[in-house]
PDB file of N, CA and C in Angstrom:
ATOM      1  N   MET A   1       0.919  -1.167   0.096  1.00  0.00           N
ATOM      2  CA  MET A   1      -0.038  -0.111   0.039  1.00  0.00           C
ATOM      3  C   MET A   1       0.746   1.308  -0.003  1.00  0.00           C
ATOM      4  N   GLU A   2       1.987   1.214   0.826  1.00  0.00           N
ATOM      5  CA  GLU A   2       2.850   2.313   0.748  1.00  0.00           C
ATOM      6  C   GLU A   2       3.509   2.670  -0.568  1.00  0.00           C
ATOM      7  N   GLU A   3       3.864   1.621  -1.375  1.00  0.00           N
ATOM      8  CA  GLU A   3       4.365   1.911  -2.727  1.00  0.00           C
ATOM      9  C   GLU A   3       3.440   2.547  -3.718  1.00  0.00           C
ATOM     10  N   ILE A   4       2.139   2.157  -3.459  1.00  0.00           N
ATOM     11  CA  ILE A   4       1.095   2.629  -4.369  1.00  0.00           C
ATOM     12  C   ILE A   4       0.797   4.054  -3.887  1.00  0.00           C
ATOM     13  N   ALA A   5       0.709   4.582  -2.730  1.00  0.00           N
ATOM     14  CA  ALA A   5       0.707   5.934  -2.351  1.00  0.00           C
ATOM     15  C   ALA A   5       1.900   6.780  -2.827  1.00  0.00           C
ATOM     16  N   ALA A   6       3.094   6.094  -2.877  1.00  0.00           N
ATOM     17  CA  ALA A   6       4.335   6.841  -3.103  1.00  0.00           C
ATOM     18  C   ALA A   6       4.195   7.138  -4.671  1.00  0.00           C
ATOM     19  N   GLN A   7       3.529   6.171  -5.424  1.00  0.00           N
ATOM     20  CA  GLN A   7       3.368   6.511  -6.904  1.00  0.00           C
ATOM     21  C   GLN A   7       2.322   7.378  -7.163  1.00  0.00           C
ATOM     22  N   GLN A   8       1.334   7.499  -6.435  1.00  0.00           N
ATOM     23  CA  GLN A   8       0.282   8.630  -6.457  1.00  0.00           C
ATOM     24  C   GLN A   8       0.849   9.929  -6.236  1.00  0.00           C
ATOM     25  N   VAL A   9       1.627  10.239  -5.202  1.00  0.00           N
ATOM     26  CA  VAL A   9       2.415  11.329  -5.008  1.00  0.00           C
ATOM     27  C   VAL A   9       3.200  11.882  -6.085  1.00  0.00           C
ATOM     28  N   LEU A  10       4.064  10.905  -6.620  1.00  0.00           N
ATOM     29  CA  LEU A  10       4.821  11.242  -7.812  1.00  0.00           C
ATOM     30  C   LEU A  10       3.942  11.758  -8.986  1.00  0.00           C
ATOM     31  N   SER A  11       2.845  11.079  -9.303  1.00  0.00           N
ATOM     32  CA  SER A  11       1.918  11.365 -10.418  1.00  0.00           C
ATOM     33  C   SER A  11       1.245  12.761 -10.006  1.00  0.00           C
ATOM     34  N   TYR A  12       0.917  12.846  -8.789  1.00  0.00           N
ATOM     35  CA  TYR A  12       0.205  14.285  -8.386  1.00  0.00           C
ATOM     36  C   TYR A  12       1.249  15.430  -8.606  1.00  0.00           C
ATOM     37  N   ARG A  13       2.598  15.024  -8.114  1.00  0.00           N
ATOM     38  CA  ARG A  13       3.477  16.316  -8.106  1.00  0.00           C
ATOM     39  C   ARG A  13       3.629  16.506  -9.710  1.00  0.00           C
ATOM     40  N   ALA A  14       3.701  15.723 -10.654  1.00  0.00           N
ATOM     41  CA  ALA A  14       3.921  16.040 -11.873  1.00  0.00           C
ATOM     42  C   ALA A  14       2.789  16.822 -12.557  1.00  0.00           C
ATOM     43  N   LYS A  15       1.617  16.610 -12.016  1.00  0.00           N
ATOM     44  CA  LYS A  15       0.507  17.424 -12.484  1.00  0.00           C
ATOM     45  C   LYS A  15       0.559  18.798 -11.808  1.00  0.00           C
ATOM     46  N   HIS A  16       0.830  18.711 -10.520  1.00  0.00           N
ATOM     47  CA  HIS A  16       0.990  19.852  -9.756  1.00  0.00           C
ATOM     48  C   HIS A  16       2.102  20.967 -10.297  1.00  0.00           C
ATOM     49  N   ASP A  17       3.062  20.449 -10.743  1.00  0.00           N
ATOM     50  CA  ASP A  17       4.084  21.273 -11.397  1.00  0.00           C
ATOM     51  C   ASP A  17       3.826  21.763 -12.787  1.00  0.00           C
ATOM     52  N   ALA A  18       2.872  20.877 -13.567  1.00  0.00           N
ATOM     53  CA  ALA A  18       2.333  21.283 -14.861  1.00  0.00           C
ATOM     54  C   ALA A  18       1.256  22.486 -14.614  1.00  0.00           C
ATOM     55  N   ALA A  19       0.456  22.302 -13.704  1.00  0.00           N
ATOM     56  CA  ALA A  19      -0.464  23.380 -13.355  1.00  0.00           C
ATOM     57  C   ALA A  19       0.221  24.885 -12.955  1.00  0.00           C
ATOM     58  N   LEU A  20       1.421  24.785 -12.034  1.00  0.00           N
ATOM     59  CA  LEU A  20       2.087  25.797 -11.783  1.00  0.00           C
ATOM     60  C   LEU A  20       2.818  26.571 -13.046  1.00  0.00           C
ATOM     61  N   GLU A  21       3.167  25.764 -13.958  1.00  0.00           N
ATOM     62  CA  GLU A  21       3.789  26.269 -15.186  1.00  0.00           C
ATOM     63  C   GLU A  21       2.520  26.834 -16.090  1.00  0.00           C
ATOM     64  N   ALA A  22       1.603  26.133 -16.040  1.00  0.00           N
ATOM     65  CA  ALA A  22       0.317  26.699 -17.087  1.00  0.00           C
ATOM     66  C   ALA A  22      -0.067  28.212 -16.373  1.00  0.00           C
ATOM     67  N   VAL A  23      -0.267  28.110 -15.036  1.00  0.00           N
ATOM     68  CA  VAL A  23      -0.679  29.359 -14.406  1.00  0.00           C
ATOM     69  C   VAL A  23       0.357  30.623 -14.475  1.00  0.00           C
ATOM     70  N   SER A  24       1.741  30.181 -14.532  1.00  0.00           N
ATOM     71  CA  SER A  24       2.699  31.231 -14.716  1.00  0.00           C
ATOM     72  C   SER A  24       2.527  31.703 -16.165  1.00  0.00           C
ATOM     73  N   VAL A  25       2.372  30.792 -17.230  1.00  0.00           N
ATOM     74  CA  VAL A  25       2.083  31.379 -18.549  1.00  0.00           C
ATOM     75  C   VAL A  25       0.900  32.110 -18.653  1.00  0.00           C
ATOM     76  N   LEU A  26      -0.159  31.815 -18.032  1.00  0.00           N
ATOM     77  CA  LEU A  26      -1.288  32.408 -17.994  1.00  0.00           C
ATOM     78  C   LEU A  26      -1.212  33.850 -17.568  1.00  0.00           C
ATOM     79  N   ARG A  27      -0.427  33.835 -16.363  1.00  0.00           N
ATOM     80  CA  ARG A  27      -0.235  35.202 -15.848  1.00  0.00           C
ATOM     81  C   ARG A  27       0.468  36.224 -16.556  1.00  0.00           C
ATOM     82  N   LYS A  28       1.381  35.646 -17.406  1.00  0.00           N
ATOM     83  CA  LYS A  28       2.258  36.549 -18.246  1.00  0.00           C
ATOM     84  C   LYS A  28       1.419  37.025 -19.562  1.00  0.00           C
ATOM     85  N   ALA A  29       0.376  36.297 -19.861  1.00  0.00           N
ATOM     86  CA  ALA A  29      -0.492  36.620 -20.854  1.00  0.00           C
ATOM     87  C   ALA A  29      -1.764  37.342 -20.460  1.00  0.00           C
ATOM     88  N   THR A  30      -2.110  37.515 -19.155  1.00  0.00           N
ATOM     89  CA  THR A  30      -3.192  38.134 -18.860  1.00  0.00           C
ATOM     90  C   THR A  30      -2.874  39.578 -18.321  1.00  0.00           C
ATOM     91  N   PRO A  31      -3.856  40.569 -18.594  1.00  0.00           N
ATOM     92  CA  PRO A  31      -3.530  41.886 -18.216  1.00  0.00           C
ATOM     93  C   PRO A  31      -4.033  42.177 -16.773  1.00  0.00           C
ATOM     94  N   TRP A  32      -4.833  41.429 -16.217  1.00  0.00           N
ATOM     95  CA  TRP A  32      -5.224  41.637 -14.872  1.00  0.00           C
ATOM     96  C   TRP A  32      -4.402  40.635 -13.799  1.00  0.00           C
ATOM     97  N   ALA A  33      -4.338  40.905 -12.477  1.00  0.00           N
ATOM     98  CA  ALA A  33      -3.496  40.270 -11.695  1.00  0.00           C
ATOM     99  C   ALA A  33      -4.191  39.301 -10.617  1.00  0.00           C
ATOM    100  N   ASP A  34      -5.521  38.977 -10.997  1.00  0.00           N
ATOM    101  CA  ASP A  34      -6.109  38.175  -9.874  1.00  0.00           C
ATOM    102  C   ASP A  34      -6.113  36.641 -10.453  1.00  0.00           C
ATOM    103  N   ILE A  35      -5.225  36.112 -11.030  1.00  0.00           N
ATOM    104  CA  ILE A  35      -4.829  34.734 -11.446  1.00  0.00           C
ATOM    105  C   ILE A  35      -4.542  33.919 -10.126  1.00  0.00           C
ATOM    106  N   VAL A  36      -5.370  32.934  -9.721  1.00  0.00           N
ATOM    107  CA  VAL A  36      -5.143  32.409  -8.665  1.00  0.00           C
ATOM    108  C   VAL A  36      -4.021  31.225  -8.780  1.00  0.00           C
ATOM    109  N   HIS A  37      -3.223  31.137  -7.950  1.00  0.00           N
ATOM    110  CA  HIS A  37      -2.080  29.871  -8.148  1.00  0.00           C
ATOM    111  C   HIS A  37      -2.332  28.925  -7.237  1.00  0.00           C
ATOM    112  N   PRO A  38      -2.128  27.637  -7.659  1.00  0.00           N
ATOM    113  CA  PRO A  38      -2.272  26.522  -6.888  1.00  0.00           C
ATOM    114  C   PRO A  38      -1.595  26.558  -5.472  1.00  0.00           C
ATOM    115  N   ARG A  39      -1.951  25.844  -4.523  1.00  0.00           N
ATOM    116  CA  ARG A  39      -1.353  25.786  -3.105  1.00  0.00           C
ATOM    117  C   ARG A  39      -0.011  25.080  -3.548  1.00  0.00           C
ATOM    118  N   ARG A  40       0.791  25.462  -2.351  1.00  0.00           N
ATOM    119  CA  ARG A  40       1.978  24.748  -2.238  1.00  0.00           C
ATOM    120  C   ARG A  40       1.893  23.352  -2.122  1.00  0.00           C
ATOM    121  N   PHE A  41       2.780  22.574  -2.869  1.00  0.00           N
ATOM    122  CA  PHE A  41       2.713  21.048  -2.851  1.00  0.00           C
ATOM    123  C   PHE A  41       3.184  20.525  -1.592  1.00  0.00           C
ATOM    124  N   ASP A  42       2.327  19.684  -1.024  1.00  0.00           N
ATOM    125  CA  ASP A  42       2.723  19.034   0.150  1.00  0.00           C
ATOM    126  C   ASP A  42       2.834  17.359   0.067  1.00  0.00           C
ATOM    127  N   ASP A  43       3.801  16.903   0.020  1.00  0.00           N
ATOM    128  CA  ASP A  43       4.107  15.329  -0.276  1.00  0.00           C
ATOM    129  C   ASP A  43       3.168  14.571   0.721  1.00  0.00           C
ATOM    130  N   GLU A  44       3.442  14.982   2.038  1.00  0.00           N
ATOM    131  CA  GLU A  44       2.876  14.290   3.020  1.00  0.00           C
ATOM    132  C   GLU A  44       1.273  14.210   3.010  1.00  0.00           C
ATOM    133  N   HIS A  45       0.774  15.472   2.633  1.00  0.00           N
ATOM    134  CA  HIS A  45      -0.627  15.648   2.595  1.00  0.00           C
ATOM    135  C   HIS A  45      -1.357  14.651   1.542  1.00  0.00           C
ATOM    136  N   VAL A  46      -0.614  14.618   0.335  1.00  0.00           N
ATOM    137  CA  VAL A  46      -0.940  13.656  -0.643  1.00  0.00           C
ATOM    138  C   VAL A  46      -0.915  12.224  -0.217  1.00  0.00           C
ATOM    139  N   ARG A  47       0.262  12.032   0.410  1.00  0.00           N
ATOM    140  CA  ARG A  47       0.465  10.479   0.734  1.00  0.00           C
ATOM    141  C   ARG A  47      -0.500  10.103   1.819  1.00  0.00           C
ATOM    142  N   LYS A  48      -0.968  10.950   2.833  1.00  0.00           N
ATOM    143  CA  LYS A  48      -1.956  10.667   3.750  1.00  0.00           C
ATOM    144  C   LYS A  48      -3.211  10.352   3.131  1.00  0.00           C
ATOM    145  N   HIS A  49      -3.504  11.305   2.230  1.00  0.00           N
ATOM    146  CA  HIS A  49      -4.946  10.978   1.600  1.00  0.00           C
ATOM    147  C   HIS A  49      -4.930   9.806   0.777  1.00  0.00           C
ATOM    148  N   TRP A  50      -3.966   9.253   0.187  1.00  0.00           N
ATOM    149  CA  TRP A  50      -3.875   7.995  -0.681  1.00  0.00           C
ATOM    150  C   TRP A  50      -3.790   6.875   0.475  1.00  0.00           C
ATOM    151  N   ARG A  51      -3.039   6.998   1.398  1.00  0.00           N
ATOM    152  CA  ARG A  51      -2.945   5.938   2.207  1.00  0.00           C
ATOM    153  C   ARG A  51      -4.368   5.607   3.068  1.00  0.00           C
ATOM    154  N   ALA A  52      -5.298   6.712   3.257  1.00  0.00           N
ATOM    155  CA  ALA A  52      -6.498   6.403   3.793  1.00  0.00           C
ATOM    156  C   ALA A  52      -7.441   5.888   2.786  1.00  0.00           C
ATOM    157  N   ARG A  53      -7.405   6.396   1.423  1.00  0.00           N
ATOM    158  CA  ARG A  53      -8.189   5.801   0.632  1.00  0.00           C
ATOM    159  C   ARG A  53      -7.903   4.336   0.186  1.00  0.00           C
ATOM    160  N   PHE A  54      -6.575   4.051   0.089  1.00  0.00           N
ATOM    161  CA  PHE A  54      -6.275   2.475  -0.048  1.00  0.00           C
ATOM    162  C   PHE A  54      -6.634   1.743   1.100  1.00  0.00           C
ATOM    163  N   ALA A  55      -6.466   2.221   2.460  1.00  0.00           N
ATOM    164  CA  ALA A  55      -6.807   1.443   3.683  1.00  0.00           C
ATOM    165  C   ALA A  55      -8.432   1.066   3.698  1.00  0.00           C
ATOM    166  N   GLU A  56      -9.067   2.164   3.200  1.00  0.00           N
ATOM    167  CA  GLU A  56     -10.545   1.786   3.148  1.00  0.00           C
ATOM    168  C   GLU A  56     -10.983   0.694   2.136  1.00  0.00           C
ATOM    169  N   LEU A  57     -10.133   0.745   1.062  1.00  0.00           N
ATOM    170  CA  LEU A  57     -10.555  -0.247   0.120  1.00  0.00           C
ATOM    171  C   LEU A  57      -9.829  -1.657   0.672  1.00  0.00           C
ATOM    172  N   ALA A  58      -8.759  -1.770   1.290  1.00  0.00           N
ATOM    173  CA  ALA A  58      -8.283  -2.818   1.811  1.00  0.00           C
ATOM    174  C   ALA A  58      -9.411  -3.416   2.797  1.00  0.00           C
ATOM    175  N   ASP A  59      -9.850  -2.481   3.576  1.00  0.00           N
ATOM    176  CA  ASP A  59     -10.928  -3.011   4.710  1.00  0.00           C
ATOM    177  C   ASP A  59     -12.148  -3.696   3.977  1.00  0.00           C
ATOM    178  N   VAL A  60     -12.617  -3.079   2.806  1.00  0.00           N
ATOM    179  CA  VAL A  60     -13.748  -3.623   2.118  1.00  0.00           C
ATOM    180  C   VAL A  60     -13.497  -4.899   1.676  1.00  0.00           C
ATOM    181  N   ILE A  61     -12.328  -5.041   1.049  1.00  0.00           N
ATOM    182  CA  ILE A  61     -11.852  -6.308   0.389  1.00  0.00           C
ATOM    183  C   ILE A  61     -11.730  -7.393   1.599  1.00  0.00           C
ATOM    184  N   ASP A  62     -11.032  -7.134   2.733  1.00  0.00           N
ATOM    185  CA  ASP A  62     -11.019  -7.841   3.841  1.00  0.00           C
ATOM    186  C   ASP A  62     -12.537  -8.441   4.416  1.00  0.00           C
ATOM    187  N   ARG A  63     -13.338  -7.475   4.438  1.00  0.00           N
ATOM    188  CA  ARG A  63     -14.773  -7.848   4.889  1.00  0.00           C
ATOM    189  C   ARG A  63     -15.435  -8.724   3.656  1.00  0.00           C
ATOM    190  N   LEU A  64     -15.248  -8.546   2.379  1.00  0.00           N
ATOM    191  CA  LEU A  64     -15.763  -9.499   1.414  1.00  0.00           C
ATOM    192  C   LEU A  64     -15.116 -10.857   1.657  1.00  0.00           C
ATOM    193  N   LEU A  65     -13.830 -10.944   1.969  1.00  0.00           N
ATOM    194  CA  LEU A  65     -13.311 -12.170   1.818  1.00  0.00           C
ATOM    195  C   LEU A  65     -13.654 -13.107   3.177  1.00  0.00           C
ATOM    196  N   ARG A  66     -14.273 -12.509   4.178  1.00  0.00           N
ATOM    197  CA  ARG A  66     -14.712 -13.353   5.346  1.00  0.00           C
ATOM    198  C   ARG A  66     -15.971 -14.032   5.181  1.00  0.00           C
TER     199      ARG A  66
END
């Protein structure tokens, strides 16, 4: 489960980095200053989310197998 959560973190980081780049490009092309920037990337926050989601799934599978 830890390996899957780590893979999700890497995938999310790549998407987050792409979003930051896209917002930067948009800001350069926009005449107004109210373009919202994504929040700071927090590896542990993403990892905790995926651990919890996969733990829920493991619990369901465990109950089904009983």
